[in-house]
PDB file of N, CA and C in Angstrom:
ATOM      1  N   UNK A   1       0.820  -1.202   0.000  1.00  0.00           N
ATOM      2  CA  UNK A   1       0.000   0.000   0.000  1.00  0.00           C
ATOM      3  C   UNK A   1       0.866   1.269   0.000  1.00  0.00           C
ATOM      4  N   UNK A   2       1.935   1.287   0.735  1.00  0.00           N
ATOM      5  CA  UNK A   2       2.800   2.459   0.779  1.00  0.00           C
ATOM      6  C   UNK A   2       3.482   2.707  -0.560  1.00  0.00           C
ATOM      7  N   UNK A   3       3.799   1.673  -1.262  1.00  0.00           N
ATOM      8  CA  UNK A   3       4.437   1.805  -2.555  1.00  0.00           C
ATOM      9  C   UNK A   3       3.520   2.510  -3.555  1.00  0.00           C
ATOM     10  N   UNK A   4       2.221   2.172  -3.532  1.00  0.00           N
ATOM     11  CA  UNK A   4       1.258   2.848  -4.406  1.00  0.00           C
ATOM     12  C   UNK A   4       1.181   4.330  -4.083  1.00  0.00           C
ATOM     13  N   UNK A   5       1.181   4.673  -2.808  1.00  0.00           N
ATOM     14  CA  UNK A   5       1.123   6.082  -2.401  1.00  0.00           C
ATOM     15  C   UNK A   5       2.377   6.821  -2.863  1.00  0.00           C
ATOM     16  N   UNK A   6       3.522   6.169  -2.759  1.00  0.00           N
ATOM     17  CA  UNK A   6       4.765   6.782  -3.201  1.00  0.00           C
ATOM     18  C   UNK A   6       4.719   7.071  -4.705  1.00  0.00           C
ATOM     19  N   UNK A   7       4.311   6.094  -5.520  1.00  0.00           N
ATOM     20  CA  UNK A   7       4.212   6.306  -6.964  1.00  0.00           C
ATOM     21  C   UNK A   7       3.195   7.381  -7.312  1.00  0.00           C
ATOM     22  N   UNK A   8       2.084   7.425  -6.611  1.00  0.00           N
ATOM     23  CA  UNK A   8       1.062   8.448  -6.847  1.00  0.00           C
ATOM     24  C   UNK A   8       1.639   9.829  -6.520  1.00  0.00           C
ATOM     25  N   UNK A   9       2.402   9.934  -5.435  1.00  0.00           N
ATOM     26  CA  UNK A   9       3.023  11.194  -5.049  1.00  0.00           C
ATOM     27  C   UNK A   9       4.022  11.650  -6.118  1.00  0.00           C
ATOM     28  N   UNK A  10       4.833  10.709  -6.597  1.00  0.00           N
ATOM     29  CA  UNK A  10       5.808  11.049  -7.635  1.00  0.00           C
ATOM     30  C   UNK A  10       5.098  11.510  -8.900  1.00  0.00           C
ATOM     31  N   UNK A  11       4.081  10.794  -9.301  1.00  0.00           N
ATOM     32  CA  UNK A  11       3.349  11.149 -10.521  1.00  0.00           C
ATOM     33  C   UNK A  11       2.681  12.508 -10.379  1.00  0.00           C
ATOM     34  N   UNK A  12       2.104  12.795  -9.218  1.00  0.00           N
ATOM     35  CA  UNK A  12       1.397  14.045  -8.989  1.00  0.00           C
ATOM     36  C   UNK A  12       2.349  15.232  -8.884  1.00  0.00           C
ATOM     37  N   UNK A  13       3.464  15.070  -8.164  1.00  0.00           N
ATOM     38  CA  UNK A  13       4.343  16.198  -7.870  1.00  0.00           C
ATOM     39  C   UNK A  13       5.515  16.381  -8.824  1.00  0.00           C
ATOM     40  N   UNK A  14       5.907  15.323  -9.527  1.00  0.00           N
ATOM     41  CA  UNK A  14       7.125  15.433 -10.302  1.00  0.00           C
ATOM     42  C   UNK A  14       7.004  15.068 -11.769  1.00  0.00           C
ATOM     43  N   UNK A  15       5.905  14.577 -12.217  1.00  0.00           N
ATOM     44  CA  UNK A  15       5.772  14.124 -13.586  1.00  0.00           C
ATOM     45  C   UNK A  15       4.890  15.064 -14.377  1.00  0.00           C
ATOM     46  N   UNK A  16       5.368  15.474 -15.531  1.00  0.00           N
ATOM     47  CA  UNK A  16       4.571  16.304 -16.424  1.00  0.00           C
ATOM     48  C   UNK A  16       4.349  15.523 -17.705  1.00  0.00           C
ATOM     49  N   UNK A  17       3.144  15.561 -18.246  1.00  0.00           N
ATOM     50  CA  UNK A  17       2.875  14.834 -19.497  1.00  0.00           C
ATOM     51  C   UNK A  17       3.796  15.311 -20.615  1.00  0.00           C
ATOM     52  N   UNK A  18       4.285  14.373 -21.387  1.00  0.00           N
ATOM     53  CA  UNK A  18       5.115  14.716 -22.532  1.00  0.00           C
ATOM     54  C   UNK A  18       6.588  14.847 -22.212  1.00  0.00           C
ATOM     55  N   UNK A  19       6.967  14.707 -20.951  1.00  0.00           N
ATOM     56  CA  UNK A  19       8.383  14.772 -20.610  1.00  0.00           C
ATOM     57  C   UNK A  19       8.865  13.405 -20.184  1.00  0.00           C
ATOM     58  N   UNK A  20      10.140  13.184 -20.357  1.00  0.00           N
ATOM     59  CA  UNK A  20      10.686  11.897 -19.971  1.00  0.00           C
ATOM     60  C   UNK A  20      11.548  12.018 -18.726  1.00  0.00           C
ATOM     61  N   UNK A  21      11.528  13.162 -18.072  1.00  0.00           N
ATOM     62  CA  UNK A  21      12.336  13.355 -16.875  1.00  0.00           C
ATOM     63  C   UNK A  21      11.450  13.861 -15.737  1.00  0.00           C
ATOM     64  N   UNK A  22      11.899  13.595 -14.547  1.00  0.00           N
ATOM     65  CA  UNK A  22      11.179  14.103 -13.385  1.00  0.00           C
ATOM     66  C   UNK A  22      11.439  15.592 -13.249  1.00  0.00           C
ATOM     67  N   UNK A  23      10.411  16.355 -12.929  1.00  0.00           N
ATOM     68  CA  UNK A  23      10.518  17.797 -12.796  1.00  0.00           C
ATOM     69  C   UNK A  23       9.838  18.205 -11.506  1.00  0.00           C
ATOM     70  N   UNK A  24      10.544  18.958 -10.681  1.00  0.00           N
ATOM     71  CA  UNK A  24       9.950  19.466  -9.451  1.00  0.00           C
ATOM     72  C   UNK A  24       9.253  20.778  -9.803  1.00  0.00           C
ATOM     73  N   UNK A  25       7.923  20.761  -9.853  1.00  0.00           N
ATOM     74  CA  UNK A  25       7.199  21.965 -10.282  1.00  0.00           C
ATOM     75  C   UNK A  25       7.153  23.042  -9.217  1.00  0.00           C
ATOM     76  N   UNK A  26       7.639  22.733  -8.012  1.00  0.00           N
ATOM     77  CA  UNK A  26       7.660  23.734  -6.948  1.00  0.00           C
ATOM     78  C   UNK A  26       8.994  24.479  -6.897  1.00  0.00           C
ATOM     79  N   UNK A  27      10.006  23.962  -7.576  1.00  0.00           N
ATOM     80  CA  UNK A  27      11.316  24.595  -7.593  1.00  0.00           C
ATOM     81  C   UNK A  27      11.327  25.691  -8.651  1.00  0.00           C
ATOM     82  N   UNK A  28      11.686  26.938  -8.269  1.00  0.00           N
ATOM     83  CA  UNK A  28      11.708  28.010  -9.268  1.00  0.00           C
ATOM     84  C   UNK A  28      12.790  27.744 -10.318  1.00  0.00           C
ATOM     85  N   UNK A  29      12.450  28.001 -11.575  1.00  0.00           N
ATOM     86  CA  UNK A  29      13.374  27.813 -12.677  1.00  0.00           C
ATOM     87  C   UNK A  29      14.270  29.047 -12.800  1.00  0.00           C
ATOM     88  N   UNK A  30      15.566  28.855 -13.086  1.00  0.00           N
ATOM     89  CA  UNK A  30      16.461  30.012 -13.231  1.00  0.00           C
ATOM     90  C   UNK A  30      16.049  30.860 -14.427  1.00  0.00           C
ATOM     91  N   UNK A  31      16.175  32.165 -14.267  1.00  0.00           N
ATOM     92  CA  UNK A  31      15.826  33.093 -15.338  1.00  0.00           C
ATOM     93  C   UNK A  31      17.067  33.825 -15.789  1.00  0.00           C
ATOM     94  N   UNK A  32      17.177  34.059 -17.073  1.00  0.00           N
ATOM     95  CA  UNK A  32      18.297  34.815 -17.602  1.00  0.00           C
ATOM     96  C   UNK A  32      18.070  36.302 -17.350  1.00  0.00           C
ATOM     97  N   UNK A  33      19.155  37.013 -17.170  1.00  0.00           N
ATOM     98  CA  UNK A  33      19.065  38.454 -16.976  1.00  0.00           C
ATOM     99  C   UNK A  33      18.578  39.112 -18.262  1.00  0.00           C
ATOM    100  N   UNK A  34      17.797  40.153 -18.119  1.00  0.00           N
ATOM    101  CA  UNK A  34      17.312  40.913 -19.269  1.00  0.00           C
ATOM    102  C   UNK A  34      18.485  41.675 -19.865  1.00  0.00           C
ATOM    103  N   UNK A  35      18.734  41.478 -21.138  1.00  0.00           N
ATOM    104  CA  UNK A  35      19.803  42.182 -21.831  1.00  0.00           C
ATOM    105  C   UNK A  35      19.196  42.982 -22.974  1.00  0.00           C
ATOM    106  N   UNK A  36      18.990  44.270 -22.757  1.00  0.00           N
ATOM    107  CA  UNK A  36      18.348  45.085 -23.791  1.00  0.00           C
ATOM    108  C   UNK A  36      19.177  45.112 -25.069  1.00  0.00           C
ATOM    109  N   UNK A  37      18.497  45.122 -26.182  1.00  0.00           N
ATOM    110  CA  UNK A  37      19.181  45.180 -27.478  1.00  0.00           C
ATOM    111  C   UNK A  37      18.766  46.403 -28.279  1.00  0.00           C
ATOM    112  N   UNK A  38      17.924  47.259 -27.719  1.00  0.00           N
ATOM    113  CA  UNK A  38      17.443  48.414 -28.463  1.00  0.00           C
ATOM    114  C   UNK A  38      18.184  49.696 -28.125  1.00  0.00           C
ATOM    115  N   UNK A  39      19.037  49.701 -27.095  1.00  0.00           N
ATOM    116  CA  UNK A  39      19.810  50.893 -26.749  1.00  0.00           C
ATOM    117  C   UNK A  39      20.942  51.048 -27.767  1.00  0.00           C
ATOM    118  N   UNK A  40      21.060  52.234 -28.331  1.00  0.00           N
ATOM    119  CA  UNK A  40      22.049  52.470 -29.380  1.00  0.00           C
ATOM    120  C   UNK A  40      23.023  53.574 -28.990  1.00  0.00           C
ATOM    121  N   UNK A  41      24.304  53.300 -29.125  1.00  0.00           N
ATOM    122  CA  UNK A  41      25.348  54.276 -28.786  1.00  0.00           C
ATOM    123  C   UNK A  41      25.437  55.364 -29.845  1.00  0.00           C
ATOM    124  N   UNK A  42      25.728  56.585 -29.366  1.00  0.00           N
ATOM    125  CA  UNK A  42      25.884  57.722 -30.268  1.00  0.00           C
ATOM    126  C   UNK A  42      27.300  58.304 -30.153  1.00  0.00           C
ATOM    127  N   UNK A  43      27.778  58.474 -28.909  1.00  0.00           N
ATOM    128  CA  UNK A  43      29.082  59.092 -28.648  1.00  0.00           C
ATOM    129  C   UNK A  43      29.713  58.401 -27.442  1.00  0.00           C
ATOM    130  N   UNK A  44      31.036  58.319 -27.428  1.00  0.00           N
ATOM    131  CA  UNK A  44      31.767  57.810 -26.265  1.00  0.00           C
ATOM    132  C   UNK A  44      32.693  58.915 -25.779  1.00  0.00           C
ATOM    133  N   UNK A  45      32.660  59.166 -24.462  1.00  0.00           N
ATOM    134  CA  UNK A  45      33.529  60.173 -23.852  1.00  0.00           C
ATOM    135  C   UNK A  45      34.219  59.553 -22.640  1.00  0.00           C
ATOM    136  N   UNK A  46      35.406  60.059 -22.324  1.00  0.00           N
ATOM    137  CA  UNK A  46      36.141  59.607 -21.152  1.00  0.00           C
ATOM    138  C   UNK A  46      36.327  60.779 -20.203  1.00  0.00           C
ATOM    139  N   UNK A  47      35.923  60.582 -18.948  1.00  0.00           N
ATOM    140  CA  UNK A  47      36.068  61.612 -17.924  1.00  0.00           C
ATOM    141  C   UNK A  47      36.657  60.970 -16.684  1.00  0.00           C
ATOM    142  N   UNK A  48      37.822  61.458 -16.286  1.00  0.00           N
ATOM    143  CA  UNK A  48      38.535  60.918 -15.127  1.00  0.00           C
ATOM    144  C   UNK A  48      38.678  59.405 -15.258  1.00  0.00           C
ATOM    145  N   UNK A  49      38.107  58.654 -14.337  1.00  0.00           N
ATOM    146  CA  UNK A  49      38.226  57.191 -14.352  1.00  0.00           C
ATOM    147  C   UNK A  49      36.983  56.530 -14.920  1.00  0.00           C
ATOM    148  N   UNK A  50      36.156  57.306 -15.634  1.00  0.00           N
ATOM    149  CA  UNK A  50      34.899  56.774 -16.167  1.00  0.00           C
ATOM    150  C   UNK A  50      34.858  56.832 -17.689  1.00  0.00           C
ATOM    151  N   UNK A  51      34.123  55.895 -18.259  1.00  0.00           N
ATOM    152  CA  UNK A  51      33.787  55.940 -19.677  1.00  0.00           C
ATOM    153  C   UNK A  51      32.295  56.234 -19.749  1.00  0.00           C
ATOM    154  N   UNK A  52      31.929  57.242 -20.498  1.00  0.00           N
ATOM    155  CA  UNK A  52      30.522  57.597 -20.690  1.00  0.00           C
ATOM    156  C   UNK A  52      30.111  57.242 -22.111  1.00  0.00           C
ATOM    157  N   UNK A  53      29.025  56.487 -22.212  1.00  0.00           N
ATOM    158  CA  UNK A  53      28.469  56.158 -23.524  1.00  0.00           C
ATOM    159  C   UNK A  53      27.117  56.853 -23.626  1.00  0.00           C
ATOM    160  N   UNK A  54      27.023  57.802 -24.531  1.00  0.00           N
ATOM    161  CA  UNK A  54      25.781  58.549 -24.740  1.00  0.00           C
ATOM    162  C   UNK A  54      24.938  57.781 -25.749  1.00  0.00           C
ATOM    163  N   UNK A  55      23.697  57.543 -25.386  1.00  0.00           N
ATOM    164  CA  UNK A  55      22.796  56.769 -26.237  1.00  0.00           C
ATOM    165  C   UNK A  55      21.892  57.680 -27.056  1.00  0.00           C
ATOM    166  N   UNK A  56      21.323  57.136 -28.105  1.00  0.00           N
ATOM    167  CA  UNK A  56      20.462  57.927 -28.982  1.00  0.00           C
ATOM    168  C   UNK A  56      19.166  58.350 -28.295  1.00  0.00           C
ATOM    169  N   UNK A  57      18.777  57.661 -27.222  1.00  0.00           N
ATOM    170  CA  UNK A  57      17.548  58.036 -26.511  1.00  0.00           C
ATOM    171  C   UNK A  57      17.833  58.972 -25.338  1.00  0.00           C
ATOM    172  N   UNK A  58      19.016  59.612 -25.334  1.00  0.00           N
ATOM    173  CA  UNK A  58      19.435  60.627 -24.358  1.00  0.00           C
ATOM    174  C   UNK A  58      19.923  60.056 -23.035  1.00  0.00           C
ATOM    175  N   UNK A  59      19.949  58.743 -22.872  1.00  0.00           N
ATOM    176  CA  UNK A  59      20.537  58.171 -21.657  1.00  0.00           C
ATOM    177  C   UNK A  59      22.054  58.200 -21.771  1.00  0.00           C
ATOM    178  N   UNK A  60      22.706  58.203 -20.609  1.00  0.00           N
ATOM    179  CA  UNK A  60      24.165  58.143 -20.549  1.00  0.00           C
ATOM    180  C   UNK A  60      24.544  57.004 -19.609  1.00  0.00           C
ATOM    181  N   UNK A  61      25.381  56.104 -20.108  1.00  0.00           N
ATOM    182  CA  UNK A  61      25.886  55.006 -19.292  1.00  0.00           C
ATOM    183  C   UNK A  61      27.297  55.383 -18.864  1.00  0.00           C
ATOM    184  N   UNK A  62      27.551  55.423 -17.567  1.00  0.00           N
ATOM    185  CA  UNK A  62      28.893  55.688 -17.049  1.00  0.00           C
ATOM    186  C   UNK A  62      29.390  54.445 -16.349  1.00  0.00           C
ATOM    187  N   UNK A  63      30.558  53.976 -16.762  1.00  0.00           N
ATOM    188  CA  UNK A  63      31.144  52.783 -16.151  1.00  0.00           C
ATOM    189  C   UNK A  63      32.604  53.054 -15.834  1.00  0.00           C
ATOM    190  N   UNK A  64      33.128  52.414 -14.784  1.00  0.00           N
ATOM    191  CA  UNK A  64      34.555  52.580 -14.468  1.00  0.00           C
ATOM    192  C   UNK A  64      35.419  52.011 -15.592  1.00  0.00           C
ATOM    193  N   UNK A  65      36.396  52.762 -16.009  1.00  0.00           N
ATOM    194  CA  UNK A  65      37.261  52.318 -17.102  1.00  0.00           C
ATOM    195  C   UNK A  65      38.126  51.128 -16.665  1.00  0.00           C
ATOM    196  N   UNK A  66      38.291  50.949 -15.377  1.00  0.00           N
ATOM    197  CA  UNK A  66      39.081  49.824 -14.859  1.00  0.00           C
ATOM    198  C   UNK A  66      38.446  48.477 -15.218  1.00  0.00           C
ATOM    199  N   UNK A  67      37.145  48.477 -15.546  1.00  0.00           N
ATOM    200  CA  UNK A  67      36.474  47.250 -15.987  1.00  0.00           C
ATOM    201  C   UNK A  67      37.086  46.712 -17.280  1.00  0.00           C
ATOM    202  N   UNK A  68      37.723  47.581 -18.028  1.00  0.00           N
ATOM    203  CA  UNK A  68      38.267  47.215 -19.339  1.00  0.00           C
ATOM    204  C   UNK A  68      39.771  47.478 -19.342  1.00  0.00           C
ATOM    205  N   UNK A  69      40.571  46.486 -18.959  1.00  0.00           N
ATOM    206  CA  UNK A  69      42.021  46.696 -18.826  1.00  0.00           C
ATOM    207  C   UNK A  69      42.690  47.262 -20.077  1.00  0.00           C
ATOM    208  N   UNK A  70      42.269  46.846 -21.256  1.00  0.00           N
ATOM    209  CA  UNK A  70      42.892  47.369 -22.479  1.00  0.00           C
ATOM    210  C   UNK A  70      42.632  48.863 -22.636  1.00  0.00           C
ATOM    211  N   UNK A  71      41.412  49.295 -22.340  1.00  0.00           N
ATOM    212  CA  UNK A  71      41.101  50.733 -22.403  1.00  0.00           C
ATOM    213  C   UNK A  71      41.803  51.495 -21.278  1.00  0.00           C
ATOM    214  N   UNK A  72      41.882  50.878 -20.125  1.00  0.00           N
ATOM    215  CA  UNK A  72      42.526  51.519 -18.975  1.00  0.00           C
ATOM    216  C   UNK A  72      44.001  51.806 -19.268  1.00  0.00           C
ATOM    217  N   UNK A  73      44.663  50.878 -19.951  1.00  0.00           N
ATOM    218  CA  UNK A  73      46.087  51.032 -20.261  1.00  0.00           C
ATOM    219  C   UNK A  73      46.338  51.826 -21.542  1.00  0.00           C
ATOM    220  N   UNK A  74      45.311  52.082 -22.329  1.00  0.00           N
ATOM    221  CA  UNK A  74      45.464  52.786 -23.607  1.00  0.00           C
ATOM    222  C   UNK A  74      45.750  54.276 -23.378  1.00  0.00           C
ATOM    223  N   UNK A  75      46.364  54.890 -24.381  1.00  0.00           N
ATOM    224  CA  UNK A  75      46.601  56.330 -24.323  1.00  0.00           C
ATOM    225  C   UNK A  75      45.298  57.072 -24.628  1.00  0.00           C
ATOM    226  N   UNK A  76      45.289  58.339 -24.358  1.00  0.00           N
ATOM    227  CA  UNK A  76      44.113  59.168 -24.634  1.00  0.00           C
ATOM    228  C   UNK A  76      43.788  59.123 -26.123  1.00  0.00           C
ATOM    229  N   UNK A  77      44.817  59.182 -26.963  1.00  0.00           N
ATOM    230  CA  UNK A  77      44.611  59.145 -28.411  1.00  0.00           C
ATOM    231  C   UNK A  77      43.992  57.816 -28.846  1.00  0.00           C
ATOM    232  N   UNK A  78      44.466  56.709 -28.269  1.00  0.00           N
ATOM    233  CA  UNK A  78      43.921  55.400 -28.624  1.00  0.00           C
ATOM    234  C   UNK A  78      42.455  55.280 -28.199  1.00  0.00           C
ATOM    235  N   UNK A  79      42.129  55.825 -27.048  1.00  0.00           N
ATOM    236  CA  UNK A  79      40.734  55.775 -26.573  1.00  0.00           C
ATOM    237  C   UNK A  79      39.804  56.557 -27.489  1.00  0.00           C
ATOM    238  N   UNK A  80      40.288  57.656 -28.048  1.00  0.00           N
ATOM    239  CA  UNK A  80      39.455  58.508 -28.894  1.00  0.00           C
ATOM    240  C   UNK A  80      39.210  57.905 -30.279  1.00  0.00           C
ATOM    241  N   UNK A  81      39.972  56.909 -30.686  1.00  0.00           N
ATOM    242  CA  UNK A  81      39.800  56.276 -32.005  1.00  0.00           C
ATOM    243  C   UNK A  81      38.925  55.035 -31.871  1.00  0.00           C
ATOM    244  N   UNK A  82      37.651  55.250 -31.730  1.00  0.00           N
ATOM    245  CA  UNK A  82      36.689  54.143 -31.587  1.00  0.00           C
ATOM    246  C   UNK A  82      35.732  54.154 -32.772  1.00  0.00           C
ATOM    247  N   UNK A  83      35.088  53.021 -32.961  1.00  0.00           N
ATOM    248  CA  UNK A  83      34.059  52.889 -33.991  1.00  0.00           C
ATOM    249  C   UNK A  83      32.790  52.377 -33.328  1.00  0.00           C
ATOM    250  N   UNK A  84      31.673  52.892 -33.781  1.00  0.00           N
ATOM    251  CA  UNK A  84      30.382  52.392 -33.310  1.00  0.00           C
ATOM    252  C   UNK A  84      29.860  51.462 -34.395  1.00  0.00           C
ATOM    253  N   UNK A  85      29.630  50.210 -34.029  1.00  0.00           N
ATOM    254  CA  UNK A  85      29.200  49.214 -35.008  1.00  0.00           C
ATOM    255  C   UNK A  85      27.810  48.680 -34.723  1.00  0.00           C
ATOM    256  N   UNK A  86      27.326  47.898 -35.635  1.00  0.00           N
ATOM    257  CA  UNK A  86      26.017  47.258 -35.462  1.00  0.00           C
ATOM    258  C   UNK A  86      24.887  48.248 -35.333  1.00  0.00           C
ATOM    259  N   UNK A  87      25.031  49.407 -35.961  1.00  0.00           N
ATOM    260  CA  UNK A  87      23.983  50.419 -35.871  1.00  0.00           C
ATOM    261  C   UNK A  87      23.892  51.061 -34.497  1.00  0.00           C
ATOM    262  N   UNK A  88      24.941  50.889 -33.676  1.00  0.00           N
ATOM    263  CA  UNK A  88      24.953  51.491 -32.339  1.00  0.00           C
ATOM    264  C   UNK A  88      24.953  50.468 -31.220  1.00  0.00           C
ATOM    265  N   UNK A  89      24.994  49.188 -31.562  1.00  0.00           N
ATOM    266  CA  UNK A  89      24.925  48.149 -30.525  1.00  0.00           C
ATOM    267  C   UNK A  89      26.284  47.742 -29.972  1.00  0.00           C
ATOM    268  N   UNK A  90      27.371  48.153 -30.647  1.00  0.00           N
ATOM    269  CA  UNK A  90      28.692  47.746 -30.172  1.00  0.00           C
ATOM    270  C   UNK A  90      29.714  48.861 -30.364  1.00  0.00           C
ATOM    271  N   UNK A  91      30.779  48.779 -29.563  1.00  0.00           N
ATOM    272  CA  UNK A  91      31.879  49.737 -29.625  1.00  0.00           C
ATOM    273  C   UNK A  91      33.147  48.955 -29.921  1.00  0.00           C
ATOM    274  N   UNK A  92      34.016  49.527 -30.764  1.00  0.00           N
ATOM    275  CA  UNK A  92      35.243  48.823 -31.136  1.00  0.00           C
ATOM    276  C   UNK A  92      36.408  49.801 -31.201  1.00  0.00           C
ATOM    277  N   UNK A  93      37.535  49.387 -30.615  1.00  0.00           N
ATOM    278  CA  UNK A  93      38.782  50.136 -30.683  1.00  0.00           C
ATOM    279  C   UNK A  93      39.773  49.270 -31.448  1.00  0.00           C
ATOM    280  N   UNK A  94      40.021  49.612 -32.707  1.00  0.00           N
ATOM    281  CA  UNK A  94      40.878  48.818 -33.598  1.00  0.00           C
ATOM    282  C   UNK A  94      42.310  48.720 -33.079  1.00  0.00           C
ATOM    283  N   UNK A  95      42.885  49.849 -32.670  1.00  0.00           N
ATOM    284  CA  UNK A  95      44.291  49.873 -32.261  1.00  0.00           C
ATOM    285  C   UNK A  95      44.595  48.958 -31.075  1.00  0.00           C
ATOM    286  N   UNK A  96      43.653  48.837 -30.155  1.00  0.00           N
ATOM    287  CA  UNK A  96      43.901  48.015 -28.961  1.00  0.00           C
ATOM    288  C   UNK A  96      43.082  46.721 -28.973  1.00  0.00           C
ATOM    289  N   UNK A  97      42.337  46.495 -30.047  1.00  0.00           N
ATOM    290  CA  UNK A  97      41.521  45.287 -30.232  1.00  0.00           C
ATOM    291  C   UNK A  97      40.558  45.063 -29.062  1.00  0.00           C
ATOM    292  N   UNK A  98      39.767  46.072 -28.762  1.00  0.00           N
ATOM    293  CA  UNK A  98      38.764  46.002 -27.682  1.00  0.00           C
ATOM    294  C   UNK A  98      37.375  46.128 -28.286  1.00  0.00           C
ATOM    295  N   UNK A  99      36.472  45.247 -27.867  1.00  0.00           N
ATOM    296  CA  UNK A  99      35.072  45.271 -28.308  1.00  0.00           C
ATOM    297  C   UNK A  99      34.176  45.237 -27.089  1.00  0.00           C
ATOM    298  N   UNK A 100      33.180  46.118 -27.065  1.00  0.00           N
ATOM    299  CA  UNK A 100      32.252  46.201 -25.937  1.00  0.00           C
ATOM    300  C   UNK A 100      30.844  46.342 -26.501  1.00  0.00           C
ATOM    301  N   UNK A 101      29.897  45.591 -25.938  1.00  0.00           N
ATOM    302  CA  UNK A 101      28.509  45.724 -26.380  1.00  0.00           C
ATOM    303  C   UNK A 101      27.774  46.700 -25.468  1.00  0.00           C
ATOM    304  N   UNK A 102      26.856  47.450 -26.036  1.00  0.00           N
ATOM    305  CA  UNK A 102      26.048  48.377 -25.251  1.00  0.00           C
ATOM    306  C   UNK A 102      25.170  47.592 -24.275  1.00  0.00           C
ATOM    307  N   UNK A 103      24.646  46.452 -24.702  1.00  0.00           N
ATOM    308  CA  UNK A 103      23.827  45.624 -23.823  1.00  0.00           C
ATOM    309  C   UNK A 103      24.636  45.159 -22.606  1.00  0.00           C
ATOM    310  N   UNK A 104      25.889  44.824 -22.827  1.00  0.00           N
ATOM    311  CA  UNK A 104      26.763  44.427 -21.718  1.00  0.00           C
ATOM    312  C   UNK A 104      26.990  45.569 -20.745  1.00  0.00           C
ATOM    313  N   UNK A 105      27.131  46.778 -21.259  1.00  0.00           N
ATOM    314  CA  UNK A 105      27.302  47.946 -20.387  1.00  0.00           C
ATOM    315  C   UNK A 105      26.035  48.173 -19.548  1.00  0.00           C
ATOM    316  N   UNK A 106      24.872  48.025 -20.176  1.00  0.00           N
ATOM    317  CA  UNK A 106      23.626  48.208 -19.449  1.00  0.00           C
ATOM    318  C   UNK A 106      23.409  47.129 -18.395  1.00  0.00           C
ATOM    319  N   UNK A 107      23.947  45.936 -18.643  1.00  0.00           N
ATOM    320  CA  UNK A 107      23.813  44.840 -17.676  1.00  0.00           C
ATOM    321  C   UNK A 107      24.641  45.119 -16.437  1.00  0.00           C
ATOM    322  N   UNK A 108      25.710  45.914 -16.568  1.00  0.00           N
ATOM    323  CA  UNK A 108      26.499  46.313 -15.413  1.00  0.00           C
ATOM    324  C   UNK A 108      27.612  45.366 -15.074  1.00  0.00           C
ATOM    325  N   UNK A 109      28.042  45.439 -13.806  1.00  0.00           N
ATOM    326  CA  UNK A 109      29.196  44.685 -13.315  1.00  0.00           C
ATOM    327  C   UNK A 109      29.032  43.186 -13.414  1.00  0.00           C
ATOM    328  N   UNK A 110      27.809  42.676 -13.349  1.00  0.00           N
ATOM    329  CA  UNK A 110      27.583  41.230 -13.432  1.00  0.00           C
ATOM    330  C   UNK A 110      28.095  40.694 -14.762  1.00  0.00           C
ATOM    331  N   UNK A 111      27.889  41.444 -15.816  1.00  0.00           N
ATOM    332  CA  UNK A 111      28.320  40.989 -17.135  1.00  0.00           C
ATOM    333  C   UNK A 111      29.837  41.025 -17.252  1.00  0.00           C
ATOM    334  N   UNK A 112      30.478  41.976 -16.572  1.00  0.00           N
ATOM    335  CA  UNK A 112      31.919  42.079 -16.652  1.00  0.00           C
ATOM    336  C   UNK A 112      32.606  40.928 -15.946  1.00  0.00           C
ATOM    337  N   UNK A 113      31.953  40.358 -14.929  1.00  0.00           N
ATOM    338  CA  UNK A 113      32.547  39.275 -14.162  1.00  0.00           C
ATOM    339  C   UNK A 113      32.497  37.957 -14.910  1.00  0.00           C
ATOM    340  N   UNK A 114      31.606  37.815 -15.871  1.00  0.00           N
ATOM    341  CA  UNK A 114      31.476  36.524 -16.567  1.00  0.00           C
ATOM    342  C   UNK A 114      32.327  36.444 -17.796  1.00  0.00           C
TER     343      UNK A 114
END
């Protein structure tokens, strides 16, 4: 009798039709961080220890330049020679081979750690 109750419990709590694996429906599923793709870069400026990326919708993203070792070690002239690619979705510095996405900047420090 206990075995039937155990199987009924497993079927009720862990089995979903159409799947071949047990699933705990009470356990929250991990969610990916929202990474916006519609923010578009217009201008990049450097002030003190910060990089400012001005967006076409008038927002300004300021991030510590130390997050990007290649930019941190670059000269002022090298920093000023950037290209905006992908219609504003990415930044590229040819001389120092650095690429940064606007979505990554908006995601913040979490994206830099990965």
